[in-house]
Amino acid sequence: MTASGSVEGYERLRLFLGFPLPAAAARAVVRWEEQDLGAPPGTRIVPEANMHVTIAFLGSRPSAELHSITAVLRAAAAGISPPVLTPVRYRETRSVGMLVFADEEGRAARIAQAVHGGLERLGIYEPEQRPWLPHLTVVRFRERPRLQPAIPELGAVTMSGAAVYISRLRRTGAQYEVVESVPLGGG
């Protein structure tokens, strides 16, 4: 996980919350992307630095809300052992390809549900109608490539933290910065 990002000088921030993928798992996914996924024309592979399992995307928010958002994440993670996620399938939507994870004992989902509820009570988030799906976006595209890669052999991946991120849009794609980190571990 990178050091906390700076928000000085920013009136509004493009924010999301997520579980950063541990470094060893992220490196394994990069190897899988290179060997099994490839880079079909018209696709953009997600770089190692951007690998995370999204909890909630908030979009553009006033920087003054950052403390409250972090407090919701801390409260949601309190008392829950670190989530353990295992990749089970590859899935494509109209704009992204992702690895979908099984959530051992539902711990990641419990954190996500608590975050969604807390942010909704603050009036800054409207939960989706469909259930939260633990996934890692691995490729972005404008036209669906209909890939059918084998699932990477990551085994069970233990998430050790959650974070509030800033997403900065660049010509080469989004750049994510950790603004606040929350350790996981049931303490």
N, C-alpha and C. Protein backbone atom coordinates (compact mmCIF):
# COMPACT_ATOMS: atom_id res chain seq x y z
N MET A 1 0.85 -1.17 0.00
CA MET A 1 0.00 0.00 0.00
C MET A 1 0.89 1.23 0.00
N THR A 2 0.53 2.25 -0.78
CA THR A 2 1.33 3.47 -0.84
C THR A 2 1.03 4.34 0.38
N ALA A 3 1.89 5.31 0.59
CA ALA A 3 1.66 6.26 1.68
C ALA A 3 0.40 7.05 1.38
N SER A 4 -0.18 7.61 2.39
CA SER A 4 -1.41 8.38 2.20
C SER A 4 -1.19 9.49 1.19
N GLY A 5 -2.18 9.65 0.31
CA GLY A 5 -2.12 10.71 -0.69
C GLY A 5 -2.48 12.04 -0.05
N SER A 6 -2.17 13.10 -0.74
CA SER A 6 -2.47 14.43 -0.25
C SER A 6 -3.73 14.95 -0.93
N VAL A 7 -4.55 15.65 -0.19
CA VAL A 7 -5.76 16.22 -0.76
C VAL A 7 -5.74 17.73 -0.69
N GLU A 8 -4.62 18.30 -0.29
CA GLU A 8 -4.54 19.74 -0.17
C GLU A 8 -4.78 20.40 -1.52
N GLY A 9 -5.55 21.46 -1.50
CA GLY A 9 -5.79 22.21 -2.72
C GLY A 9 -6.91 21.66 -3.59
N TYR A 10 -7.56 20.59 -3.17
CA TYR A 10 -8.63 20.01 -3.97
C TYR A 10 -9.97 20.28 -3.30
N GLU A 11 -10.85 20.95 -4.01
CA GLU A 11 -12.18 21.25 -3.49
C GLU A 11 -13.07 20.01 -3.52
N ARG A 12 -13.04 19.29 -4.65
CA ARG A 12 -13.82 18.05 -4.80
C ARG A 12 -12.86 16.93 -5.17
N LEU A 13 -13.18 15.73 -4.70
CA LEU A 13 -12.33 14.57 -4.92
C LEU A 13 -13.16 13.45 -5.55
N ARG A 14 -12.58 12.76 -6.51
CA ARG A 14 -13.24 11.59 -7.10
C ARG A 14 -12.82 10.40 -6.23
N LEU A 15 -13.74 9.87 -5.43
CA LEU A 15 -13.40 8.91 -4.38
C LEU A 15 -14.05 7.54 -4.59
N PHE A 16 -13.35 6.53 -4.09
CA PHE A 16 -13.93 5.19 -3.95
C PHE A 16 -13.25 4.50 -2.79
N LEU A 17 -13.87 3.43 -2.29
CA LEU A 17 -13.32 2.64 -1.20
C LEU A 17 -13.05 1.25 -1.73
N GLY A 18 -11.98 0.63 -1.26
CA GLY A 18 -11.66 -0.71 -1.74
C GLY A 18 -10.69 -1.44 -0.85
N PHE A 19 -10.52 -2.72 -1.17
CA PHE A 19 -9.52 -3.56 -0.53
C PHE A 19 -8.32 -3.62 -1.47
N PRO A 20 -7.18 -3.04 -1.11
CA PRO A 20 -6.00 -3.16 -1.98
C PRO A 20 -5.59 -4.62 -2.09
N LEU A 21 -5.27 -5.05 -3.29
CA LEU A 21 -4.81 -6.42 -3.48
C LEU A 21 -3.40 -6.54 -2.90
N PRO A 22 -3.13 -7.52 -2.05
CA PRO A 22 -1.78 -7.68 -1.50
C PRO A 22 -0.75 -7.79 -2.63
N ALA A 23 0.47 -7.31 -2.37
CA ALA A 23 1.51 -7.21 -3.40
C ALA A 23 1.79 -8.53 -4.11
N ALA A 24 1.92 -9.62 -3.37
CA ALA A 24 2.22 -10.91 -4.00
C ALA A 24 1.09 -11.34 -4.94
N ALA A 25 -0.14 -11.14 -4.53
CA ALA A 25 -1.28 -11.49 -5.38
C ALA A 25 -1.34 -10.58 -6.60
N ALA A 26 -1.06 -9.29 -6.41
CA ALA A 26 -1.07 -8.36 -7.53
C ALA A 26 0.00 -8.74 -8.56
N ARG A 27 1.18 -9.12 -8.09
CA ARG A 27 2.24 -9.56 -9.02
C ARG A 27 1.82 -10.81 -9.77
N ALA A 28 1.15 -11.73 -9.10
CA ALA A 28 0.67 -12.96 -9.75
C ALA A 28 -0.39 -12.63 -10.81
N VAL A 29 -1.25 -11.66 -10.53
CA VAL A 29 -2.26 -11.27 -11.50
C VAL A 29 -1.60 -10.62 -12.71
N VAL A 30 -0.57 -9.82 -12.49
CA VAL A 30 0.16 -9.20 -13.61
C VAL A 30 0.76 -10.28 -14.50
N ARG A 31 1.37 -11.29 -13.89
CA ARG A 31 1.93 -12.40 -14.69
C ARG A 31 0.84 -13.10 -15.48
N TRP A 32 -0.30 -13.31 -14.85
CA TRP A 32 -1.45 -13.93 -15.53
C TRP A 32 -1.94 -13.05 -16.68
N GLU A 33 -2.03 -11.74 -16.43
CA GLU A 33 -2.45 -10.82 -17.49
C GLU A 33 -1.52 -10.95 -18.70
N GLU A 34 -0.23 -10.98 -18.43
CA GLU A 34 0.76 -11.06 -19.52
C GLU A 34 0.72 -12.39 -20.25
N GLN A 35 0.56 -13.50 -19.51
CA GLN A 35 0.63 -14.83 -20.11
C GLN A 35 -0.70 -15.33 -20.65
N ASP A 36 -1.78 -15.17 -19.92
CA ASP A 36 -3.06 -15.77 -20.30
C ASP A 36 -4.08 -14.79 -20.87
N LEU A 37 -4.04 -13.55 -20.38
CA LEU A 37 -5.02 -12.58 -20.83
C LEU A 37 -4.56 -11.89 -22.11
N GLY A 38 -3.25 -11.59 -22.16
CA GLY A 38 -2.72 -10.87 -23.31
C GLY A 38 -3.24 -9.44 -23.31
N ALA A 39 -3.07 -8.77 -24.42
CA ALA A 39 -3.57 -7.40 -24.56
C ALA A 39 -4.22 -7.28 -25.93
N PRO A 40 -5.42 -7.86 -26.09
CA PRO A 40 -6.08 -7.77 -27.39
C PRO A 40 -6.23 -6.32 -27.84
N PRO A 41 -6.24 -6.06 -29.15
CA PRO A 41 -6.42 -4.69 -29.63
C PRO A 41 -7.66 -4.05 -29.02
N GLY A 42 -7.53 -2.78 -28.67
CA GLY A 42 -8.67 -2.05 -28.10
C GLY A 42 -8.89 -2.27 -26.63
N THR A 43 -7.96 -2.96 -25.97
CA THR A 43 -8.10 -3.19 -24.52
C THR A 43 -7.00 -2.45 -23.78
N ARG A 44 -7.25 -2.20 -22.51
CA ARG A 44 -6.24 -1.60 -21.63
C ARG A 44 -6.17 -2.45 -20.36
N ILE A 45 -5.03 -3.08 -20.17
CA ILE A 45 -4.82 -3.94 -19.00
C ILE A 45 -4.66 -3.06 -17.76
N VAL A 46 -5.27 -3.46 -16.66
CA VAL A 46 -5.15 -2.72 -15.40
C VAL A 46 -3.77 -2.97 -14.82
N PRO A 47 -3.02 -1.90 -14.51
CA PRO A 47 -1.67 -2.07 -13.96
C PRO A 47 -1.70 -2.51 -12.49
N GLU A 48 -0.59 -3.08 -12.07
CA GLU A 48 -0.46 -3.58 -10.69
C GLU A 48 -0.82 -2.52 -9.65
N ALA A 49 -0.39 -1.29 -9.86
CA ALA A 49 -0.63 -0.23 -8.88
C ALA A 49 -2.12 0.07 -8.67
N ASN A 50 -2.97 -0.31 -9.63
CA ASN A 50 -4.40 -0.01 -9.53
C ASN A 50 -5.24 -1.20 -9.08
N MET A 51 -4.63 -2.30 -8.69
CA MET A 51 -5.39 -3.50 -8.36
C MET A 51 -6.01 -3.43 -6.98
N HIS A 52 -7.33 -3.53 -6.97
CA HIS A 52 -8.10 -3.48 -5.73
C HIS A 52 -9.46 -4.13 -5.97
N VAL A 53 -10.11 -4.48 -4.90
CA VAL A 53 -11.49 -4.97 -4.94
C VAL A 53 -12.34 -3.81 -4.44
N THR A 54 -13.16 -3.25 -5.32
CA THR A 54 -13.95 -2.07 -4.97
C THR A 54 -15.04 -2.42 -3.95
N ILE A 55 -15.15 -1.57 -2.94
CA ILE A 55 -16.23 -1.67 -1.95
C ILE A 55 -17.37 -0.75 -2.37
N ALA A 56 -17.04 0.50 -2.70
CA ALA A 56 -18.05 1.48 -3.11
C ALA A 56 -17.39 2.59 -3.90
N PHE A 57 -18.00 2.96 -5.02
CA PHE A 57 -17.54 4.11 -5.79
C PHE A 57 -18.42 5.29 -5.43
N LEU A 58 -17.80 6.39 -5.02
CA LEU A 58 -18.56 7.55 -4.55
C LEU A 58 -18.62 8.67 -5.58
N GLY A 59 -17.70 8.69 -6.53
CA GLY A 59 -17.67 9.77 -7.50
C GLY A 59 -17.13 11.05 -6.88
N SER A 60 -17.48 12.17 -7.45
CA SER A 60 -16.98 13.46 -7.01
C SER A 60 -17.65 13.88 -5.70
N ARG A 61 -16.83 14.06 -4.66
CA ARG A 61 -17.33 14.42 -3.33
C ARG A 61 -16.55 15.60 -2.80
N PRO A 62 -17.16 16.45 -1.97
CA PRO A 62 -16.42 17.53 -1.33
C PRO A 62 -15.32 16.96 -0.42
N SER A 63 -14.16 17.57 -0.44
CA SER A 63 -13.04 17.08 0.38
C SER A 63 -13.38 17.11 1.87
N ALA A 64 -14.31 17.95 2.27
CA ALA A 64 -14.70 18.04 3.68
C ALA A 64 -15.36 16.74 4.18
N GLU A 65 -15.83 15.87 3.27
CA GLU A 65 -16.47 14.62 3.67
C GLU A 65 -15.48 13.49 3.94
N LEU A 66 -14.23 13.70 3.62
CA LEU A 66 -13.24 12.63 3.72
C LEU A 66 -13.17 12.01 5.11
N HIS A 67 -13.19 12.82 6.15
CA HIS A 67 -13.11 12.30 7.52
C HIS A 67 -14.30 11.39 7.83
N SER A 68 -15.50 11.82 7.46
CA SER A 68 -16.71 11.02 7.71
C SER A 68 -16.70 9.72 6.92
N ILE A 69 -16.23 9.77 5.69
CA ILE A 69 -16.15 8.57 4.85
C ILE A 69 -15.18 7.57 5.46
N THR A 70 -14.03 8.05 5.91
CA THR A 70 -13.03 7.18 6.54
C THR A 70 -13.59 6.59 7.83
N ALA A 71 -14.33 7.38 8.59
CA ALA A 71 -14.92 6.88 9.84
C ALA A 71 -15.90 5.74 9.56
N VAL A 72 -16.67 5.84 8.48
CA VAL A 72 -17.60 4.76 8.10
C VAL A 72 -16.82 3.50 7.77
N LEU A 73 -15.73 3.63 7.01
CA LEU A 73 -14.91 2.47 6.66
C LEU A 73 -14.31 1.83 7.91
N ARG A 74 -13.79 2.64 8.82
CA ARG A 74 -13.21 2.11 10.07
C ARG A 74 -14.27 1.36 10.89
N ALA A 75 -15.43 1.93 11.01
CA ALA A 75 -16.50 1.29 11.78
C ALA A 75 -16.93 -0.02 11.13
N ALA A 76 -17.01 -0.04 9.81
CA ALA A 76 -17.43 -1.25 9.09
C ALA A 76 -16.42 -2.38 9.27
N ALA A 77 -15.14 -2.04 9.34
CA ALA A 77 -14.09 -3.05 9.44
C ALA A 77 -13.85 -3.52 10.88
N ALA A 78 -14.32 -2.76 11.85
CA ALA A 78 -14.06 -3.09 13.26
C ALA A 78 -14.67 -4.44 13.62
N GLY A 79 -13.86 -5.27 14.24
CA GLY A 79 -14.35 -6.55 14.75
C GLY A 79 -14.49 -7.64 13.72
N ILE A 80 -14.14 -7.39 12.47
CA ILE A 80 -14.25 -8.42 11.43
C ILE A 80 -12.85 -8.88 11.04
N SER A 81 -12.65 -10.17 11.07
CA SER A 81 -11.36 -10.73 10.66
C SER A 81 -11.11 -10.43 9.19
N PRO A 82 -9.84 -10.41 8.77
CA PRO A 82 -9.55 -10.08 7.38
C PRO A 82 -10.29 -10.99 6.40
N PRO A 83 -10.89 -10.39 5.38
CA PRO A 83 -11.57 -11.19 4.36
C PRO A 83 -10.57 -12.07 3.59
N VAL A 84 -11.03 -13.24 3.21
CA VAL A 84 -10.24 -14.15 2.40
C VAL A 84 -11.01 -14.38 1.10
N LEU A 85 -10.38 -13.99 -0.01
CA LEU A 85 -11.02 -14.05 -1.32
C LEU A 85 -10.27 -15.00 -2.23
N THR A 86 -11.01 -15.80 -3.01
CA THR A 86 -10.41 -16.76 -3.94
C THR A 86 -11.04 -16.56 -5.31
N PRO A 87 -10.21 -16.36 -6.37
CA PRO A 87 -10.80 -16.18 -7.70
C PRO A 87 -11.51 -17.44 -8.16
N VAL A 88 -12.72 -17.26 -8.72
CA VAL A 88 -13.51 -18.41 -9.16
C VAL A 88 -13.90 -18.35 -10.63
N ARG A 89 -13.93 -17.14 -11.23
CA ARG A 89 -14.28 -17.06 -12.64
C ARG A 89 -13.89 -15.71 -13.22
N TYR A 90 -13.82 -15.68 -14.54
CA TYR A 90 -13.61 -14.44 -15.29
C TYR A 90 -14.97 -14.02 -15.83
N ARG A 91 -15.24 -12.72 -15.82
CA ARG A 91 -16.53 -12.20 -16.29
C ARG A 91 -16.30 -10.90 -17.03
N GLU A 92 -17.07 -10.67 -18.07
CA GLU A 92 -17.02 -9.40 -18.79
C GLU A 92 -18.35 -8.67 -18.70
N THR A 93 -18.28 -7.35 -18.55
CA THR A 93 -19.45 -6.49 -18.68
C THR A 93 -19.26 -5.74 -20.00
N ARG A 94 -20.03 -4.69 -20.22
CA ARG A 94 -19.90 -3.97 -21.48
C ARG A 94 -18.59 -3.18 -21.58
N SER A 95 -17.90 -2.92 -20.45
CA SER A 95 -16.69 -2.11 -20.52
C SER A 95 -15.48 -2.66 -19.76
N VAL A 96 -15.65 -3.71 -18.98
CA VAL A 96 -14.52 -4.26 -18.22
C VAL A 96 -14.56 -5.78 -18.18
N GLY A 97 -13.36 -6.37 -18.00
CA GLY A 97 -13.22 -7.78 -17.69
C GLY A 97 -12.73 -7.88 -16.26
N MET A 98 -13.22 -8.87 -15.53
CA MET A 98 -12.90 -8.95 -14.10
C MET A 98 -12.73 -10.39 -13.65
N LEU A 99 -12.00 -10.51 -12.56
CA LEU A 99 -11.95 -11.77 -11.83
C LEU A 99 -12.96 -11.67 -10.71
N VAL A 100 -13.87 -12.62 -10.63
CA VAL A 100 -14.87 -12.65 -9.57
C VAL A 100 -14.35 -13.59 -8.48
N PHE A 101 -14.52 -13.18 -7.23
CA PHE A 101 -13.99 -13.92 -6.09
C PHE A 101 -15.08 -14.56 -5.25
N ALA A 102 -14.78 -15.71 -4.69
CA ALA A 102 -15.58 -16.28 -3.61
C ALA A 102 -15.11 -15.58 -2.33
N ASP A 103 -16.02 -15.33 -1.44
CA ASP A 103 -15.76 -14.58 -0.21
C ASP A 103 -15.94 -15.52 0.98
N GLU A 104 -14.82 -16.09 1.45
CA GLU A 104 -14.85 -17.05 2.55
C GLU A 104 -15.55 -16.44 3.77
N GLU A 105 -16.56 -17.10 4.24
CA GLU A 105 -17.34 -16.69 5.41
C GLU A 105 -18.04 -15.35 5.24
N GLY A 106 -18.04 -14.79 4.03
CA GLY A 106 -18.77 -13.55 3.76
C GLY A 106 -18.24 -12.31 4.46
N ARG A 107 -16.98 -12.34 4.88
CA ARG A 107 -16.45 -11.19 5.64
C ARG A 107 -16.33 -9.93 4.79
N ALA A 108 -15.88 -10.06 3.54
CA ALA A 108 -15.77 -8.89 2.67
C ALA A 108 -17.16 -8.30 2.42
N ALA A 109 -18.13 -9.16 2.20
CA ALA A 109 -19.51 -8.69 1.96
C ALA A 109 -20.07 -7.98 3.20
N ARG A 110 -19.75 -8.48 4.40
CA ARG A 110 -20.24 -7.82 5.62
C ARG A 110 -19.64 -6.41 5.74
N ILE A 111 -18.36 -6.29 5.42
CA ILE A 111 -17.73 -4.96 5.45
C ILE A 111 -18.39 -4.07 4.41
N ALA A 112 -18.55 -4.58 3.18
CA ALA A 112 -19.16 -3.78 2.11
C ALA A 112 -20.57 -3.34 2.49
N GLN A 113 -21.38 -4.24 3.03
CA GLN A 113 -22.75 -3.89 3.41
C GLN A 113 -22.76 -2.83 4.50
N ALA A 114 -21.87 -2.96 5.48
CA ALA A 114 -21.80 -1.96 6.55
C ALA A 114 -21.35 -0.60 5.99
N VAL A 115 -20.39 -0.62 5.07
CA VAL A 115 -19.95 0.63 4.43
C VAL A 115 -21.11 1.26 3.66
N HIS A 116 -21.79 0.46 2.85
CA HIS A 116 -22.91 0.99 2.05
C HIS A 116 -23.97 1.62 2.96
N GLY A 117 -24.32 0.91 4.04
CA GLY A 117 -25.31 1.45 4.96
C GLY A 117 -24.85 2.73 5.64
N GLY A 118 -23.60 2.75 6.08
CA GLY A 118 -23.07 3.95 6.74
C GLY A 118 -23.00 5.14 5.81
N LEU A 119 -22.58 4.92 4.58
CA LEU A 119 -22.51 6.02 3.60
C LEU A 119 -23.91 6.49 3.20
N GLU A 120 -24.84 5.54 3.13
CA GLU A 120 -26.23 5.91 2.81
C GLU A 120 -26.80 6.78 3.93
N ARG A 121 -26.52 6.43 5.19
CA ARG A 121 -27.00 7.24 6.32
C ARG A 121 -26.41 8.65 6.29
N LEU A 122 -25.19 8.78 5.76
CA LEU A 122 -24.59 10.11 5.62
C LEU A 122 -25.21 10.89 4.46
N GLY A 123 -25.97 10.19 3.64
CA GLY A 123 -26.60 10.85 2.49
C GLY A 123 -25.67 11.04 1.31
N ILE A 124 -24.61 10.22 1.24
CA ILE A 124 -23.63 10.41 0.15
C ILE A 124 -23.51 9.19 -0.76
N TYR A 125 -24.35 8.18 -0.56
CA TYR A 125 -24.25 6.97 -1.36
C TYR A 125 -25.60 6.30 -1.47
N GLU A 126 -25.90 5.81 -2.65
CA GLU A 126 -27.10 5.04 -2.87
C GLU A 126 -26.68 3.63 -3.27
N PRO A 127 -26.88 2.64 -2.40
CA PRO A 127 -26.46 1.27 -2.73
C PRO A 127 -27.15 0.77 -3.99
N GLU A 128 -26.42 -0.06 -4.73
CA GLU A 128 -26.99 -0.67 -5.92
C GLU A 128 -28.08 -1.67 -5.51
N GLN A 129 -28.98 -1.95 -6.42
CA GLN A 129 -30.06 -2.90 -6.14
C GLN A 129 -29.55 -4.34 -6.10
N ARG A 130 -28.54 -4.63 -6.92
CA ARG A 130 -28.00 -6.00 -6.96
C ARG A 130 -27.01 -6.19 -5.81
N PRO A 131 -26.82 -7.43 -5.39
CA PRO A 131 -25.87 -7.69 -4.30
C PRO A 131 -24.44 -7.30 -4.69
N TRP A 132 -23.66 -6.88 -3.72
CA TRP A 132 -22.26 -6.53 -3.93
C TRP A 132 -21.51 -7.78 -4.40
N LEU A 133 -20.65 -7.62 -5.39
CA LEU A 133 -19.89 -8.72 -5.97
C LEU A 133 -18.40 -8.45 -5.79
N PRO A 134 -17.69 -9.27 -5.00
CA PRO A 134 -16.25 -9.05 -4.87
C PRO A 134 -15.55 -9.40 -6.18
N HIS A 135 -14.91 -8.39 -6.77
CA HIS A 135 -14.25 -8.61 -8.06
C HIS A 135 -13.05 -7.68 -8.21
N LEU A 136 -12.18 -8.08 -9.10
CA LEU A 136 -10.98 -7.32 -9.43
C LEU A 136 -11.03 -7.02 -10.92
N THR A 137 -11.13 -5.75 -11.29
CA THR A 137 -11.11 -5.38 -12.70
C THR A 137 -9.68 -5.59 -13.21
N VAL A 138 -9.55 -6.33 -14.33
CA VAL A 138 -8.22 -6.65 -14.88
C VAL A 138 -8.01 -6.08 -16.28
N VAL A 139 -9.09 -5.74 -16.98
CA VAL A 139 -8.96 -5.18 -18.33
C VAL A 139 -10.15 -4.26 -18.60
N ARG A 140 -9.89 -3.19 -19.33
CA ARG A 140 -10.94 -2.25 -19.72
C ARG A 140 -10.99 -2.21 -21.25
N PHE A 141 -12.17 -1.95 -21.80
CA PHE A 141 -12.30 -1.93 -23.25
C PHE A 141 -13.54 -1.15 -23.66
N ARG A 142 -13.57 -0.76 -24.94
CA ARG A 142 -14.75 -0.10 -25.50
C ARG A 142 -15.64 -1.12 -26.18
N GLU A 143 -15.02 -2.13 -26.77
CA GLU A 143 -15.77 -3.20 -27.41
C GLU A 143 -15.40 -4.51 -26.74
N ARG A 144 -16.38 -5.23 -26.30
CA ARG A 144 -16.17 -6.47 -25.55
C ARG A 144 -15.34 -7.47 -26.37
N PRO A 145 -14.18 -7.89 -25.83
CA PRO A 145 -13.34 -8.84 -26.59
C PRO A 145 -13.78 -10.30 -26.47
N ARG A 146 -14.67 -10.57 -25.52
CA ARG A 146 -15.17 -11.93 -25.27
C ARG A 146 -14.02 -12.92 -25.00
N LEU A 147 -13.18 -12.52 -24.07
CA LEU A 147 -12.05 -13.37 -23.67
C LEU A 147 -12.56 -14.53 -22.83
N GLN A 148 -11.81 -15.62 -22.83
CA GLN A 148 -12.16 -16.79 -22.01
C GLN A 148 -10.88 -17.36 -21.38
N PRO A 149 -10.19 -16.54 -20.59
CA PRO A 149 -8.93 -17.00 -20.01
C PRO A 149 -9.16 -18.00 -18.88
N ALA A 150 -8.14 -18.82 -18.63
CA ALA A 150 -8.15 -19.67 -17.45
C ALA A 150 -8.03 -18.75 -16.23
N ILE A 151 -8.52 -19.20 -15.11
CA ILE A 151 -8.44 -18.41 -13.87
C ILE A 151 -7.02 -18.50 -13.32
N PRO A 152 -6.45 -17.38 -12.88
CA PRO A 152 -5.10 -17.45 -12.31
C PRO A 152 -5.09 -18.28 -11.03
N GLU A 153 -4.01 -18.96 -10.80
CA GLU A 153 -3.87 -19.80 -9.60
C GLU A 153 -3.31 -18.96 -8.45
N LEU A 154 -4.16 -18.14 -7.88
CA LEU A 154 -3.76 -17.30 -6.74
C LEU A 154 -3.96 -18.01 -5.42
N GLY A 155 -4.91 -18.94 -5.40
CA GLY A 155 -5.30 -19.52 -4.14
C GLY A 155 -6.09 -18.49 -3.35
N ALA A 156 -6.20 -18.72 -2.06
CA ALA A 156 -6.92 -17.80 -1.19
C ALA A 156 -6.05 -16.58 -0.91
N VAL A 157 -6.65 -15.40 -1.05
CA VAL A 157 -5.93 -14.14 -0.84
C VAL A 157 -6.54 -13.44 0.36
N THR A 158 -5.73 -13.18 1.37
CA THR A 158 -6.20 -12.50 2.56
C THR A 158 -6.00 -11.00 2.42
N MET A 159 -7.08 -10.26 2.54
CA MET A 159 -7.02 -8.80 2.47
C MET A 159 -6.60 -8.26 3.83
N SER A 160 -5.53 -7.50 3.87
CA SER A 160 -5.04 -7.01 5.16
C SER A 160 -5.48 -5.59 5.46
N GLY A 161 -6.07 -4.92 4.48
CA GLY A 161 -6.49 -3.55 4.70
C GLY A 161 -7.60 -3.14 3.76
N ALA A 162 -8.17 -2.00 4.07
CA ALA A 162 -9.14 -1.35 3.20
C ALA A 162 -8.67 0.10 3.09
N ALA A 163 -9.13 0.79 2.08
CA ALA A 163 -8.63 2.14 1.87
C ALA A 163 -9.67 3.02 1.21
N VAL A 164 -9.50 4.33 1.45
CA VAL A 164 -10.21 5.36 0.71
C VAL A 164 -9.22 5.84 -0.35
N TYR A 165 -9.66 5.82 -1.60
CA TYR A 165 -8.81 6.19 -2.72
C TYR A 165 -9.32 7.46 -3.41
N ILE A 166 -8.39 8.19 -4.00
CA ILE A 166 -8.71 9.23 -4.96
C ILE A 166 -8.42 8.64 -6.33
N SER A 167 -9.33 8.86 -7.26
CA SER A 167 -9.12 8.46 -8.64
C SER A 167 -8.88 9.73 -9.44
N ARG A 168 -7.68 9.81 -10.02
CA ARG A 168 -7.34 10.97 -10.85
C ARG A 168 -7.33 10.51 -12.30
N LEU A 169 -8.18 11.13 -13.10
CA LEU A 169 -8.28 10.73 -14.49
C LEU A 169 -7.12 11.32 -15.30
N ARG A 170 -6.47 10.46 -16.06
CA ARG A 170 -5.34 10.84 -16.91
C ARG A 170 -5.63 10.36 -18.33
N ARG A 171 -4.91 10.90 -19.28
CA ARG A 171 -5.08 10.48 -20.67
C ARG A 171 -4.77 8.99 -20.84
N THR A 172 -3.85 8.49 -20.06
CA THR A 172 -3.44 7.09 -20.13
C THR A 172 -4.29 6.17 -19.27
N GLY A 173 -5.28 6.72 -18.60
CA GLY A 173 -6.14 5.94 -17.72
C GLY A 173 -6.13 6.54 -16.32
N ALA A 174 -6.97 6.01 -15.48
CA ALA A 174 -7.08 6.52 -14.11
C ALA A 174 -5.84 6.16 -13.29
N GLN A 175 -5.47 7.05 -12.40
CA GLN A 175 -4.39 6.82 -11.44
C GLN A 175 -5.03 6.86 -10.06
N TYR A 176 -4.78 5.83 -9.25
CA TYR A 176 -5.38 5.74 -7.93
C TYR A 176 -4.34 6.03 -6.86
N GLU A 177 -4.76 6.82 -5.87
CA GLU A 177 -3.92 7.13 -4.72
C GLU A 177 -4.66 6.78 -3.44
N VAL A 178 -3.99 6.09 -2.53
CA VAL A 178 -4.59 5.83 -1.22
C VAL A 178 -4.52 7.12 -0.42
N VAL A 179 -5.67 7.56 0.08
CA VAL A 179 -5.75 8.76 0.90
C VAL A 179 -5.75 8.39 2.38
N GLU A 180 -6.50 7.35 2.71
CA GLU A 180 -6.59 6.84 4.09
C GLU A 180 -6.61 5.34 4.06
N SER A 181 -5.85 4.71 4.95
CA SER A 181 -5.81 3.26 5.06
C SER A 181 -6.44 2.82 6.37
N VAL A 182 -7.10 1.66 6.32
CA VAL A 182 -7.71 1.07 7.50
C VAL A 182 -7.23 -0.37 7.59
N PRO A 183 -6.50 -0.73 8.64
CA PRO A 183 -6.07 -2.13 8.77
C PRO A 183 -7.25 -3.03 9.10
N LEU A 184 -7.17 -4.27 8.64
CA LEU A 184 -8.20 -5.26 8.95
C LEU A 184 -7.61 -6.30 9.87
N GLY A 185 -8.42 -6.83 10.73
CA GLY A 185 -7.89 -7.85 11.62
C GLY A 185 -8.73 -8.11 12.84
N GLY A 186 -9.87 -7.49 12.90
CA GLY A 186 -10.78 -7.79 14.00
C GLY A 186 -10.48 -7.06 15.27
N GLY A 187 -9.52 -6.13 15.25
CA GLY A 187 -9.17 -5.42 16.47
C GLY A 187 -10.01 -4.22 16.73
